[in-house]
Protein backbone atom coordinates (compact mmCIF):
# COMPACT_ATOMS: atom_id res chain seq x y z
CA MET A 1 -66.58 4.20 -66.13
CA ASP A 2 -64.78 4.51 -62.81
CA TYR A 3 -61.63 6.44 -62.34
CA ILE A 4 -58.82 5.82 -59.87
CA LEU A 5 -55.97 8.10 -58.92
CA GLU A 6 -52.70 6.24 -58.60
CA ASP A 7 -49.79 8.14 -56.97
CA ASP A 8 -47.50 5.25 -56.12
CA ARG A 9 -45.73 4.02 -59.21
CA ALA A 10 -43.98 1.30 -57.25
CA VAL A 11 -47.19 -0.77 -56.96
CA LEU A 12 -47.67 -0.95 -60.68
CA THR A 13 -46.67 -4.09 -62.41
CA LEU A 14 -44.38 -3.88 -65.36
CA PHE A 15 -47.24 -4.77 -67.69
CA ASP A 16 -49.50 -2.09 -66.29
CA TRP A 17 -46.82 0.48 -66.53
CA TRP A 18 -46.01 -0.43 -70.16
CA GLU A 19 -49.70 -0.33 -71.12
CA GLN A 20 -50.23 3.09 -69.69
CA ARG A 21 -47.04 4.58 -71.13
CA ASP A 22 -48.75 5.63 -74.35
CA TYR A 23 -51.62 7.11 -72.42
CA CYS A 24 -49.28 9.22 -70.31
CA GLN A 25 -47.44 10.35 -73.42
CA MET A 26 -50.68 11.41 -74.98
CA GLN A 27 -51.59 13.41 -71.89
CA ARG A 28 -48.28 15.22 -72.01
CA GLU A 29 -48.77 16.11 -75.66
CA SER A 30 -52.22 17.53 -74.95
CA LYS A 31 -50.51 19.73 -72.38
CA LYS A 32 -52.79 18.55 -69.60
CA LYS A 33 -50.64 19.04 -66.49
CA THR A 34 -51.54 15.83 -64.77
CA GLN A 35 -47.96 14.77 -63.90
CA LYS A 36 -46.87 14.72 -60.25
CA GLU A 37 -43.19 14.02 -59.58
CA GLY A 38 -42.76 11.59 -62.41
CA CYS A 39 -46.05 9.81 -61.86
CA CYS A 40 -49.19 10.23 -63.86
CA ILE A 41 -52.93 9.98 -63.38
CA LYS A 42 -54.12 6.74 -64.91
CA LEU A 43 -57.47 5.77 -66.17
CA LEU A 44 -58.09 2.10 -65.51
CA SER A 45 -60.91 -0.12 -66.61
CA PRO A 46 -62.96 -2.20 -64.12
CA ASN A 47 -61.08 -5.37 -65.20
CA HIS A 48 -57.80 -3.77 -64.32
CA ILE A 49 -59.18 -2.76 -60.94
CA LYS A 50 -60.25 -6.34 -60.13
CA LEU A 51 -56.89 -7.68 -61.19
CA ARG A 52 -55.10 -5.20 -58.99
CA ALA A 53 -57.31 -6.07 -56.04
CA THR A 54 -56.66 -9.81 -56.48
CA MET A 55 -52.91 -9.34 -56.63
CA ALA A 56 -52.94 -7.15 -53.48
CA SER A 57 -54.95 -9.78 -51.62
CA MET A 58 -52.51 -12.50 -52.60
CA ARG A 59 -49.59 -10.42 -51.33
CA GLU A 60 -51.30 -9.87 -47.99
CA LYS A 61 -52.00 -13.57 -47.55
CA ARG A 62 -48.43 -14.42 -48.42
CA SER A 63 -47.04 -11.99 -45.82
CA SER A 64 -49.46 -13.32 -43.20
CA MET A 65 -48.27 -16.87 -43.80
CA TYR A 66 -44.68 -15.75 -43.36
CA MET A 67 -45.50 -14.11 -40.03
CA VAL A 68 -47.35 -17.16 -38.76
CA GLY A 69 -44.44 -19.37 -39.71
CA GLU A 70 -41.96 -17.17 -37.92
CA LEU A 71 -44.06 -17.15 -34.77
CA TYR A 72 -44.38 -20.92 -34.92
CA PHE A 73 -40.66 -21.47 -35.09
CA LEU A 74 -40.13 -18.95 -32.24
CA VAL A 75 -42.50 -20.88 -30.01
CA LEU A 76 -40.75 -24.15 -30.80
CA TRP A 77 -37.36 -22.61 -29.93
CA LEU A 78 -38.57 -21.22 -26.62
CA GLN A 79 -39.97 -24.59 -25.67
CA SER A 80 -36.66 -26.25 -26.45
CA VAL A 81 -34.78 -24.02 -23.91
CA PRO A 82 -34.66 -25.68 -20.43
CA ARG A 83 -36.54 -23.72 -17.80
CA MET A 84 -35.48 -23.51 -14.13
CA GLU A 85 -38.18 -24.67 -11.77
CA GLY A 86 -39.36 -22.05 -9.34
CA TRP A 87 -37.04 -19.32 -10.60
CA VAL A 88 -39.56 -16.71 -11.69
CA GLU A 89 -42.30 -17.90 -9.39
CA GLY A 90 -39.99 -17.90 -6.29
CA CYS A 91 -38.50 -14.42 -6.67
CA PRO A 92 -39.40 -12.20 -3.67
CA ALA A 93 -41.56 -9.19 -4.51
CA PRO A 94 -39.10 -6.34 -3.76
CA CYS A 95 -36.23 -8.08 -5.51
CA ILE A 96 -35.20 -8.56 -9.11
CA CYS A 97 -34.25 -12.01 -10.38
CA HIS A 98 -32.45 -12.75 -13.61
CA SER A 99 -30.52 -15.67 -15.02
CA GLU A 100 -27.80 -13.97 -17.04
CA PRO A 101 -24.86 -14.18 -16.69
CA ARG A 102 -25.65 -16.30 -13.61
CA PRO A 103 -28.82 -16.82 -11.57
CA THR A 104 -28.92 -13.69 -9.44
CA LEU A 105 -31.11 -12.21 -6.73
CA ALA A 106 -30.73 -8.42 -6.47
CA CYS A 107 -32.33 -6.78 -3.41
CA GLN A 108 -29.98 -3.88 -2.73
CA GLN A 109 -31.32 -0.56 -1.43
CA GLN A 110 -34.81 -1.88 -0.73
CA GLY A 111 -35.02 -0.85 2.95
CA LEU A 112 -35.22 -4.48 4.07
CA TYR A 113 -35.11 -5.18 7.82
CA SER A 114 -34.72 -8.93 7.41
CA ILE A 115 -33.38 -11.32 4.82
CA PRO A 116 -36.12 -12.59 2.44
CA THR A 117 -37.28 -16.11 3.24
CA GLU A 118 -38.23 -17.17 -0.31
CA ILE A 119 -34.84 -16.98 -1.98
CA PRO A 120 -34.68 -19.16 -5.12
CA ILE A 121 -32.63 -22.22 -4.36
CA HIS A 122 -30.75 -21.99 -7.67
CA SER A 123 -29.36 -18.53 -6.90
CA GLN A 124 -25.62 -18.21 -7.37
CA ARG A 125 -25.31 -14.52 -6.55
CA ILE A 126 -27.22 -12.63 -3.85
CA PHE A 127 -26.93 -8.87 -3.42
CA LEU A 128 -28.42 -7.54 -0.16
CA GLN A 129 -26.17 -4.53 0.46
CA ASN A 130 -27.35 -1.08 1.57
CA ASN A 131 -30.38 -2.26 3.52
CA LYS A 132 -31.25 -2.26 7.22
CA LEU A 133 -30.57 -5.87 8.09
CA THR A 134 -29.64 -6.55 11.73
CA VAL A 135 -29.00 -10.30 12.00
CA VAL A 136 -27.91 -13.21 9.82
CA ARG A 137 -29.62 -16.36 10.99
CA SER A 138 -28.41 -19.91 10.61
CA THR A 139 -31.27 -20.68 8.17
CA SER A 140 -31.05 -17.54 6.02
CA PHE A 141 -29.01 -19.10 3.20
CA SER A 142 -29.07 -22.80 4.05
CA PRO A 143 -31.10 -23.80 0.91
CA CYS A 144 -28.72 -21.96 -1.45
CA ARG A 145 -26.14 -24.68 -1.99
CA ASN A 146 -24.97 -23.16 -5.29
CA LEU A 147 -24.21 -19.73 -3.84
CA THR A 148 -20.85 -18.28 -4.94
CA VAL A 149 -21.18 -14.52 -4.21
CA LEU A 150 -22.87 -12.97 -1.17
CA TRP A 151 -22.88 -9.23 -0.49
CA LEU A 152 -24.19 -8.02 2.86
CA TYR A 153 -22.15 -4.85 3.32
CA SER A 154 -23.50 -1.48 4.52
CA ASN A 155 -26.27 -2.82 6.74
CA ASN A 156 -26.83 -2.73 10.51
CA ILE A 157 -25.80 -6.34 11.17
CA SER A 158 -24.68 -6.79 14.76
CA HIS A 159 -24.99 -10.56 15.12
CA ILE A 160 -24.20 -13.55 12.93
CA GLU A 161 -25.57 -16.78 14.30
CA ALA A 162 -23.33 -19.82 14.49
CA GLY A 163 -23.60 -21.83 11.29
CA ALA A 164 -25.01 -18.93 9.28
CA PHE A 165 -22.81 -19.87 6.33
CA TYR A 166 -22.68 -23.58 6.99
CA GLY A 167 -23.15 -25.67 3.88
CA LEU A 168 -22.14 -22.93 1.44
CA GLU A 169 -19.20 -24.96 0.20
CA ARG A 170 -19.14 -23.19 -3.17
CA LEU A 171 -19.03 -19.67 -1.73
CA GLU A 172 -16.11 -17.71 -3.19
CA GLU A 173 -16.74 -14.10 -2.15
CA LEU A 174 -18.28 -12.84 1.09
CA ASP A 175 -18.63 -9.16 1.91
CA ILE A 176 -20.01 -8.27 5.34
CA GLY A 177 -18.04 -5.04 5.76
CA ASP A 178 -19.40 -1.73 7.01
CA ASN A 179 -21.61 -3.27 9.68
CA ASP A 180 -21.73 -3.16 13.49
CA LEU A 181 -20.42 -6.63 14.30
CA ARG A 182 -17.90 -5.76 17.07
CA ILE A 183 -17.84 -9.43 18.13
CA ILE A 184 -17.81 -12.38 15.79
CA SER A 185 -18.02 -16.10 16.46
CA PRO A 186 -14.82 -18.18 16.09
CA THR A 187 -16.74 -20.65 13.89
CA ALA A 188 -18.53 -18.07 11.73
CA PHE A 189 -16.60 -19.03 8.57
CA ARG A 190 -16.05 -22.69 9.29
CA GLY A 191 -16.48 -24.89 6.22
CA LEU A 192 -15.92 -22.20 3.57
CA SER A 193 -13.07 -24.07 1.96
CA ARG A 194 -13.46 -22.34 -1.44
CA LEU A 195 -13.71 -18.78 -0.13
CA HIS A 196 -11.10 -16.58 -1.81
CA THR A 197 -12.26 -13.05 -0.81
CA LEU A 198 -13.46 -11.94 2.63
CA HIS A 199 -14.42 -8.37 3.53
CA LEU A 200 -14.53 -7.50 7.25
CA HIS A 201 -13.67 -3.80 7.02
CA SER A 202 -15.38 -1.10 9.11
CA CYS A 203 -17.08 -3.55 11.48
CA GLY A 204 -15.93 -2.07 14.81
CA LEU A 205 -13.89 -5.18 15.63
CA SER A 206 -11.49 -4.76 18.56
CA VAL A 207 -10.30 -8.37 18.71
CA LEU A 208 -10.37 -11.42 16.46
CA PRO A 209 -11.14 -14.71 18.22
CA VAL A 210 -8.61 -17.50 18.10
CA GLY A 211 -9.11 -19.76 15.09
CA ILE A 212 -11.49 -17.48 13.22
CA PHE A 213 -9.73 -18.13 9.88
CA ARG A 214 -9.05 -21.79 10.49
CA GLY A 215 -9.67 -23.95 7.44
CA LEU A 216 -9.86 -21.09 4.90
CA PHE A 217 -7.14 -22.63 2.76
CA SER A 218 -8.27 -20.93 -0.47
CA LEU A 219 -8.46 -17.39 0.90
CA GLN A 220 -6.51 -14.91 -1.21
CA HIS A 221 -7.81 -11.45 -0.22
CA LEU A 222 -8.56 -10.45 3.38
CA TYR A 223 -9.75 -6.94 4.22
CA LEU A 224 -9.60 -5.97 7.94
CA GLN A 225 -8.96 -2.25 7.63
CA ASP A 226 -10.83 0.53 9.45
CA ASN A 227 -11.53 -1.43 12.62
CA SER A 228 -10.31 -1.01 16.22
CA LEU A 229 -7.97 -3.99 16.45
CA LEU A 230 -5.45 -3.57 19.28
CA THR A 231 -3.51 -6.77 18.75
CA LEU A 232 -3.60 -10.02 16.81
CA HIS A 233 -3.05 -13.43 18.36
CA ASP A 234 -0.06 -15.48 17.30
CA ASP A 235 -0.76 -17.79 14.35
CA THR A 236 -4.00 -16.00 13.47
CA PHE A 237 -3.22 -16.49 9.76
CA LEU A 238 -1.48 -19.85 10.02
CA ASP A 239 -3.87 -21.65 7.59
CA LEU A 240 -3.81 -18.87 4.99
CA ALA A 241 -0.92 -20.13 2.89
CA ASN A 242 -2.55 -18.79 -0.31
CA LEU A 243 -3.31 -15.30 1.00
CA THR A 244 -1.87 -12.56 -1.22
CA TYR A 245 -3.54 -9.36 0.08
CA LEU A 246 -3.79 -8.50 3.78
CA PHE A 247 -5.18 -5.06 4.61
CA LEU A 248 -4.77 -4.07 8.29
CA HIS A 249 -4.45 -0.31 7.97
CA ASN A 250 -6.27 2.21 10.14
CA ASN A 251 -6.46 0.06 13.27
CA LYS A 252 -4.82 0.41 16.70
CA ILE A 253 -2.16 -2.31 16.55
CA LYS A 254 0.87 -1.51 18.74
CA THR A 255 3.24 -4.44 18.28
CA VAL A 256 4.04 -6.77 15.40
CA THR A 257 5.14 -9.95 17.14
CA ASP A 258 7.34 -12.75 15.81
CA HIS A 259 4.44 -15.13 15.15
CA MET A 260 1.63 -12.72 14.26
CA LEU A 261 2.21 -13.12 10.50
CA ARG A 262 3.47 -16.68 10.55
CA GLY A 263 2.26 -18.90 7.72
CA LEU A 264 1.73 -16.15 5.11
CA VAL A 265 4.20 -17.64 2.66
CA SER A 266 2.36 -16.30 -0.43
CA LEU A 267 1.62 -12.81 0.84
CA ASP A 268 2.22 -10.13 -1.78
CA ARG A 269 0.80 -6.96 -0.21
CA LEU A 270 0.76 -6.02 3.49
CA LEU A 271 -0.79 -2.72 4.57
CA LEU A 272 -0.11 -1.78 8.21
CA HIS A 273 -0.11 2.01 7.91
CA GLN A 274 -2.03 4.36 10.19
CA ASN A 275 -1.80 2.14 13.25
CA ARG A 276 0.10 2.70 16.52
CA VAL A 277 2.99 0.35 15.88
CA THR A 278 5.96 1.10 18.15
CA PHE A 279 7.84 -2.17 17.89
CA VAL A 280 8.40 -4.75 15.16
CA GLN A 281 10.07 -7.85 16.55
CA ARG A 282 13.08 -9.30 14.79
CA ASN A 283 11.37 -12.36 13.24
CA SER A 284 8.06 -10.72 12.37
CA PHE A 285 8.65 -10.95 8.60
CA HIS A 286 10.32 -14.35 8.60
CA ASP A 287 7.78 -16.05 6.25
CA LEU A 288 7.16 -13.06 3.96
CA ARG A 289 9.70 -13.88 1.27
CA LYS A 290 7.21 -13.16 -1.54
CA LEU A 291 6.09 -9.81 -0.17
CA THR A 292 6.39 -7.00 -2.74
CA THR A 293 4.53 -4.15 -0.96
CA LEU A 294 4.88 -3.09 2.68
CA PHE A 295 3.23 0.03 4.11
CA LEU A 296 4.19 1.08 7.67
CA PHE A 297 3.83 4.82 7.36
CA PHE A 298 2.17 7.01 10.00
CA ASN A 299 2.94 4.80 13.00
CA ASN A 300 5.03 5.36 16.14
CA LEU A 301 8.17 3.55 15.08
CA THR A 302 11.53 4.84 16.32
CA VAL A 303 13.82 1.92 15.50
CA LEU A 304 13.61 -0.84 12.89
CA THR A 305 16.56 -3.16 12.55
CA GLY A 306 18.05 -4.38 9.33
CA GLU A 307 17.86 -7.95 10.60
CA THR A 308 14.06 -7.58 10.72
CA MET A 309 13.98 -6.56 7.05
CA ASP A 310 16.40 -9.21 5.78
CA PRO A 311 13.73 -11.88 4.93
CA LEU A 312 11.95 -9.47 2.53
CA VAL A 313 13.95 -10.51 -0.52
CA SER A 314 11.11 -9.73 -2.99
CA LEU A 315 10.18 -6.31 -1.62
CA GLN A 316 9.65 -3.60 -4.25
CA TYR A 317 7.55 -0.89 -2.58
CA LEU A 318 8.25 0.30 0.96
CA ARG A 319 6.74 3.25 2.82
CA LEU A 320 8.09 4.14 6.27
CA ASN A 321 7.42 7.88 6.39
CA GLY A 322 5.47 9.54 9.17
CA ASN A 323 7.35 7.83 12.02
CA GLN A 324 9.68 9.23 14.71
CA TRP A 325 13.00 7.78 13.67
CA ILE A 326 15.99 7.99 16.00
CA CYS A 327 19.00 8.52 13.78
CA ASP A 328 21.93 7.32 15.85
CA CYS A 329 23.86 4.08 16.13
CA ARG A 330 20.59 2.16 16.49
CA ALA A 331 19.68 3.05 12.91
CA ARG A 332 22.94 1.77 11.48
CA THR A 333 21.65 -1.73 10.60
CA LEU A 334 18.61 -0.30 8.80
CA TRP A 335 20.90 2.14 6.98
CA ASP A 336 23.07 -0.78 5.88
CA TRP A 337 19.98 -2.70 4.68
CA PHE A 338 18.88 0.19 2.50
CA LYS A 339 22.25 0.11 0.73
CA GLY A 340 21.25 -3.25 -0.75
CA PHE A 341 17.55 -2.45 -1.33
CA LYS A 342 16.74 -2.01 -5.03
CA GLY A 343 13.05 -1.14 -4.76
CA SER A 344 11.13 2.09 -4.24
CA SER A 345 10.98 3.67 -0.79
CA SER A 346 9.65 6.79 0.87
CA GLU A 347 11.83 9.12 2.90
CA LEU A 348 12.67 8.30 6.51
CA GLU A 349 12.74 11.69 8.20
CA CYS A 350 14.89 11.77 11.33
CA HIS A 351 13.10 12.95 14.46
CA VAL A 352 16.12 13.09 16.77
CA PRO A 353 18.80 14.25 17.34
CA ALA A 354 18.01 17.86 16.55
CA ARG A 355 21.01 18.29 14.27
CA LEU A 356 19.58 15.62 11.94
CA SER A 357 15.89 16.48 12.31
CA GLY A 358 14.05 16.39 8.99
CA LYS A 359 16.87 14.69 7.09
CA ASP A 360 16.38 11.43 5.23
CA LEU A 361 18.00 8.54 7.07
CA LYS A 362 18.97 6.91 3.78
CA GLN A 363 21.02 9.96 2.77
CA LEU A 364 23.08 10.18 5.95
CA LYS A 365 26.77 9.30 6.20
CA ILE A 366 28.36 6.83 8.57
CA PRO A 367 29.76 9.56 10.88
CA ASP A 368 26.21 10.93 11.29
CA LEU A 369 25.14 7.67 12.91
CA GLU A 370 27.97 7.42 15.41
CA GLY A 371 27.10 7.88 19.05
CA CYS A 372 23.85 7.44 20.92
CA TYR A 373 21.05 9.93 21.41
CA ASP A 374 20.42 10.81 25.05
CA SER A 375 18.47 13.91 26.04
CA SER A 376 17.22 15.06 29.43
CA ASP A 377 13.93 15.94 27.81
CA HIS A 378 13.46 12.52 26.21
CA THR A 379 15.19 10.08 28.56
CA TRP A 380 13.62 6.84 27.36
CA ILE A 381 17.02 5.16 27.68
CA SER A 382 17.97 4.02 31.17
CA VAL A 383 21.09 2.26 32.44
CA PHE A 384 19.57 -0.90 33.83
CA SER A 385 20.72 -4.44 34.11
CA SER A 386 19.18 -7.30 35.97
CA LYS A 387 20.22 -10.66 37.36
CA THR A 388 18.24 -13.56 36.01
CA ARG A 389 17.30 -16.65 37.94
CA SER A 390 20.28 -18.46 36.51
CA GLY A 391 22.57 -15.77 37.88
CA LYS A 392 23.48 -14.42 34.45
CA LEU A 393 23.63 -10.76 33.71
CA THR A 394 21.34 -9.55 30.91
CA THR A 395 20.84 -6.27 29.14
CA GLU A 396 17.44 -5.46 27.65
CA SER A 397 16.88 -4.66 23.98
CA PRO A 398 16.75 -1.03 22.81
CA LEU A 399 13.03 -1.23 22.24
CA ARG A 400 12.31 -2.39 25.77
CA ALA A 401 13.58 0.55 27.72
CA GLY A 402 17.06 -0.96 28.04
CA ILE A 403 20.33 0.07 26.49
CA PRO A 404 21.40 -1.06 23.04
CA ARG A 405 24.98 -2.24 23.02
CA CYS A 406 26.00 0.55 20.65
CA CYS A 407 24.95 3.09 23.28
CA LEU A 408 27.24 1.71 25.97
CA SER A 409 30.62 3.27 26.61
CA ASP A 410 33.76 1.19 26.23
CA LYS A 411 34.04 1.04 30.00
CA ASP A 412 30.50 -0.30 30.35
CA LYS A 413 30.93 -2.75 27.47
CA SER A 414 33.89 -4.35 29.24
CA SER A 415 31.73 -4.89 32.32
CA ILE A 416 29.03 -6.90 30.51
CA ILE A 417 29.47 -10.52 31.50
CA SER A 418 29.18 -13.23 28.93
CA SER A 419 26.05 -15.29 29.24
CA LYS A 420 28.09 -18.46 28.92
CA GLY A 421 29.65 -18.17 32.39
CA LEU A 422 28.67 -17.17 35.89
CA PRO A 423 29.22 -13.53 36.85
CA ASP A 424 31.88 -12.34 39.19
CA PRO A 425 30.15 -11.61 42.50
CA SER A 426 32.31 -8.55 42.95
CA SER A 427 30.68 -7.01 39.89
CA TYR A 428 27.47 -6.58 41.84
CA ASN A 429 28.73 -5.13 45.10
CA SER A 430 31.77 -5.00 47.36
CA ARG A 431 29.82 -7.21 49.77
CA GLN A 432 28.54 -10.50 48.37
CA ILE A 433 24.82 -11.11 48.65
CA THR A 434 23.84 -14.74 49.07
CA ASN A 435 20.77 -16.70 49.99
CA ASN A 436 22.47 -18.29 53.03
CA PRO A 437 21.76 -16.28 56.22
CA LEU A 438 24.93 -17.60 57.88
CA LYS A 439 27.09 -16.51 54.98
CA GLU A 440 25.25 -13.19 54.92
CA LYS A 441 26.07 -12.64 58.59
CA GLU A 442 29.71 -13.49 57.91
CA ASN A 443 29.92 -11.00 55.05
CA ILE A 444 28.33 -8.27 57.15
CA SER A 445 30.84 -8.83 59.92
CA LYS A 446 33.71 -8.61 57.44
CA THR A 447 32.37 -5.38 55.98
CA LYS A 448 31.98 -3.80 59.45
CA LEU A 449 35.50 -4.76 60.37
CA LEU A 450 36.91 -3.22 57.21
CA GLU A 451 34.90 -0.02 57.60
CA ALA A 452 36.14 0.33 61.17
CA ASP A 453 39.77 0.35 60.06
CA PRO A 454 40.71 4.03 59.74
CA ASN A 455 44.16 3.28 58.36
CA LYS A 456 42.85 1.39 55.33
CA PRO A 457 42.52 3.72 52.30
CA GLN A 458 38.98 3.92 50.90
CA ASN A 459 38.19 3.90 47.17
CA LYS A 460 35.27 6.19 46.29
CA GLN A 461 34.42 4.16 43.20
CA SER A 462 33.52 1.20 45.36
CA LEU A 463 30.42 2.99 46.65
CA ASN A 464 27.20 1.76 45.08
CA ASP A 465 24.40 4.21 44.46
CA GLY A 466 22.21 1.86 42.40
CA PRO A 467 20.13 -1.09 43.55
CA VAL A 468 22.52 -3.67 42.11
CA GLY A 469 25.71 -1.63 41.88
CA THR A 470 27.68 -0.12 39.05
CA LEU A 471 29.47 -2.45 36.71
CA SER A 472 33.05 -1.18 36.72
CA ASN A 473 36.53 -2.59 36.42
CA ASN A 474 37.69 -0.36 39.28
CA LEU A 475 34.99 -1.80 41.44
CA ASP A 476 36.21 -5.30 40.76
CA GLN A 477 39.72 -4.31 41.77
CA SER A 478 38.54 -2.62 44.95
CA SER A 479 36.51 -5.70 45.85
CA GLU A 480 39.56 -7.88 45.53
CA ASP A 481 41.55 -5.52 47.74
CA LEU A 482 38.88 -5.57 50.43
CA SER A 483 38.48 -9.33 50.51
CA PRO A 484 40.46 -10.74 53.49
CA SER A 485 40.77 -14.15 51.89
CA ASN A 486 42.87 -12.74 49.07
CA ASP A 487 45.44 -11.02 51.33
CA PRO A 488 48.53 -13.30 51.73
CA GLU A 489 49.54 -11.52 54.95
CA LYS A 490 46.18 -12.27 56.51
CA LYS A 491 46.42 -15.89 55.45
CA LYS A 492 49.72 -16.19 57.33
CA ARG A 493 48.29 -14.54 60.42
CA CYS A 494 45.37 -16.97 60.46
CA ALA A 495 47.49 -20.08 60.48
CA LYS A 496 47.21 -22.51 63.36
CA GLU A 497 49.90 -20.84 65.40
CA ASN A 498 48.27 -17.37 65.08
CA MET A 499 44.65 -18.22 65.86
CA SER A 500 44.68 -15.74 68.73
CA ASP A 501 44.80 -12.84 66.29
CA PRO A 502 41.63 -10.69 66.69
CA LEU A 503 41.05 -10.56 62.95
CA CYS A 504 41.22 -14.33 62.66
CA LEU A 505 38.80 -14.77 65.55
CA GLU A 506 36.43 -12.30 63.95
CA SER A 507 36.52 -14.08 60.62
CA HIS A 508 35.81 -17.49 62.18
CA GLY A 509 33.16 -16.34 64.62
CA SER A 510 30.31 -16.92 62.31
CA THR A 511 31.38 -20.53 61.67
CA ILE A 512 31.52 -21.37 65.40
CA GLY A 513 28.12 -19.71 65.90
CA ALA A 514 26.68 -21.88 63.17
CA TRP A 515 27.88 -25.09 64.83
CA ARG A 516 26.37 -23.95 68.13
CA LEU A 517 23.01 -23.37 66.49
CA VAL A 518 23.03 -26.89 65.11
CA PHE A 519 24.33 -28.97 68.06
CA LEU A 520 22.80 -27.22 71.09
CA PRO A 521 19.16 -27.99 70.16
CA VAL A 522 20.09 -31.61 69.46
CA PHE A 523 21.83 -31.87 72.83
CA TRP A 524 18.84 -30.52 74.76
CA LEU A 525 16.43 -32.80 72.90
CA SER A 526 18.52 -35.84 73.79
CA LEU A 527 18.37 -34.84 77.47
CA ASP A 528 14.59 -34.63 77.35
CA PHE A 529 14.32 -38.13 75.95
CA CYS A 530 16.58 -39.47 78.65
């Protein structure tokens, strides 16, 4: 008889276990220590062994059938899933291609010197950043009509061929920042009507060509920071009515002109800090009524008028620190604007005058802003007025090396002539300057005659040290006194019965000379013809 040692009680059937219970009890009574953790050594007959073997075989077959069935259903399910043609087969060797969440080609940090030529046509996202690419050709992405995201940043790209992105009508995000572009074609982004994010940061750009953003009606985020931009053409962003973020910080922009930001009616965030801005024109922010964040810190601003800030009705965050503010009467309008501003702002530390240096402009009182700063060490203000072609007197704005009106004395303010009328000639000089040589000769003769009169009292204020004279009320009065046509006594002396008076002869000499110059040549010519 064969014996079998059974240690696993779990494999016993209920019948087997019940049959052997008496046997196990008998073994315990005979004090034969054959128990092992609740199990016993069983003595089975050959029939029992065959039965056990048959049952084990049936269980194995049953489990095998289950496994085969599961594999069969798995194969059927895989075959039911649609497969993209050429996706796996067309993936370039150094890249990784996957279909979830969207068909993607990932080739970042592979040391590539050129863009792979066998890009799967169904790719929606292409990642080629951190390689050594140098050029983007017009055929590089032309087959990828479904492309929505393209990352090319941190390469050595210096040239983008015309039409490189032509046909990518579904492209939504394009990042070509941190390259060596320097110059970019005006039509580089033409046709990208769905583009909403464009990265052009750290590309060494010094100028943007006219019309570079034309047609990008869906653009929302534009990143131009960390370049070398000196200026921006007027209406550069005219088509970007949906733009919300414009990053221009860390460039070299000097002036914000009236039309530089025109068309940005949806702009929410404007970063212009760390530039070289010295002047913001009055209408620069005219269209920015939805702007909530404005950064102009660390520039070269000295004056910013309240009228310039008036259109920013939605502004919440303003930073103007790090500039050289002049805290005198020129800052009064900005000070008034801050009284109505409810948002958050940085300090505006006064640079001059010295008595207010380091103080916050917003915390000053009205008497602190009275007067006009003028120092011999920093004489950027000059008393200068010019005569325009129309003959009207103009005074330049405070940011163009002229004098702001608040810096003029009461005496000088009264001398400024309204632009609606012609200026008084005596306000320029005691001697009128005209474009007629005959009149000029007459005026010179009158001036010589008056200077030769030792009995006539001279007014020192009538002397002109400047190129166009000093605008003064006293000067006007002295000019009237010196004019012979305004003296009633002289008018009497120059009547018909007193034409022999030397002064009258002197005053009419230039008129007689003029008639001689006209009629003598005509007379001699008539003699020649005769």
